[in-house]
Protein backbone atom coordinates (compact mmCIF):
# COMPACT_ATOMS: atom_id res chain seq x y z
CA MET A 1 -24.44 2.80 -44.96
CA PRO A 2 -22.67 5.77 -43.29
CA GLN A 3 -18.93 5.83 -42.85
CA LEU A 4 -17.36 5.80 -39.40
CA ASP A 5 -15.79 9.17 -38.65
CA THR A 6 -12.24 8.51 -37.41
CA SER A 7 -10.93 12.05 -37.69
CA THR A 8 -11.02 12.64 -33.91
CA TRP A 9 -9.42 9.32 -32.92
CA LEU A 10 -5.86 10.58 -33.05
CA ILE A 11 -6.42 13.50 -30.71
CA THR A 12 -8.51 11.31 -28.40
CA ILE A 13 -5.85 8.62 -28.14
CA LEU A 14 -3.02 11.12 -27.70
CA SER A 15 -4.86 13.04 -25.00
CA MET A 16 -5.71 9.78 -23.21
CA ILE A 17 -2.06 8.69 -23.22
CA MET A 18 -0.91 12.09 -22.01
CA THR A 19 -3.52 12.10 -19.22
CA LEU A 20 -2.51 8.62 -18.08
CA PHE A 21 1.14 9.65 -18.05
CA ILE A 22 0.39 12.74 -15.94
CA VAL A 23 -1.76 10.78 -13.49
CA PHE A 24 0.93 8.11 -13.14
CA GLN A 25 3.61 10.74 -12.54
CA LEU A 26 1.48 12.38 -9.85
CA LYS A 27 0.88 9.07 -8.10
CA VAL A 28 4.56 8.12 -8.15
CA SER A 29 5.70 11.53 -6.96
CA LYS A 30 3.67 11.20 -3.74
CA HIS A 31 5.70 8.19 -2.55
CA LEU A 32 8.71 8.65 -0.31
CA PHE A 33 11.62 6.48 -1.30
CA PRO A 34 14.68 5.89 0.91
CA TRP A 35 17.79 7.81 -0.11
CA ASN A 36 20.26 4.99 0.38
CA PRO A 37 18.59 1.57 0.50
CA GLU A 38 20.84 -1.11 1.93
CA PRO A 39 20.22 -4.85 1.64
CA LYS A 40 19.25 -6.47 4.91
CA SER A 41 21.04 -9.57 5.98
CA ALA A 42 18.97 -12.74 5.72
CA MET A 43 20.57 -14.05 8.91
CA MET A 44 19.32 -11.06 10.89
CA LEU A 45 15.75 -11.56 9.70
CA LYS A 46 15.67 -15.32 10.29
CA GLN A 47 13.34 -16.27 13.11
CA PRO A 48 13.31 -19.77 14.58
CA ASN A 49 10.32 -21.83 13.54
CA PRO A 50 8.83 -24.27 16.05
CA TRP A 51 8.97 -27.13 13.56
CA GLU A 52 12.72 -26.72 13.06
CA LYS A 53 13.43 -27.56 16.71
CA LYS A 54 11.94 -31.05 16.70
CA TRP A 55 11.81 -33.96 14.30
CA THR A 56 8.41 -34.66 12.81
CA LYS A 57 7.22 -37.33 10.47
CA ILE A 58 4.27 -36.91 8.16
CA TYR A 59 2.38 -40.07 7.41
CA SER A 60 0.56 -40.46 4.14
CA PRO A 61 -3.03 -41.70 4.62
CA LEU A 62 -2.35 -44.51 2.15
CA SER A 63 0.60 -45.84 4.18
CA LEU A 64 -1.35 -46.13 7.45
CA PRO A 65 -2.52 -49.61 8.49
CA LEU A 66 -6.05 -50.57 7.58
CA GLN A 67 -8.58 -50.27 10.36
């Protein structure tokens, strides 16, 4: 039974890792990031929900009277 030739595995794995690193760097470098990101206040972003204005009650189907 012939032996598996593993002599090229090292260069294959190293070149694959290097290629993935270069591709990742190119993808990340195309993004524009803000220079000075500031946290936004949660109170400014809060929008009123219609269900917060009125009281609602959710009935479980098992608690309803039998029909």
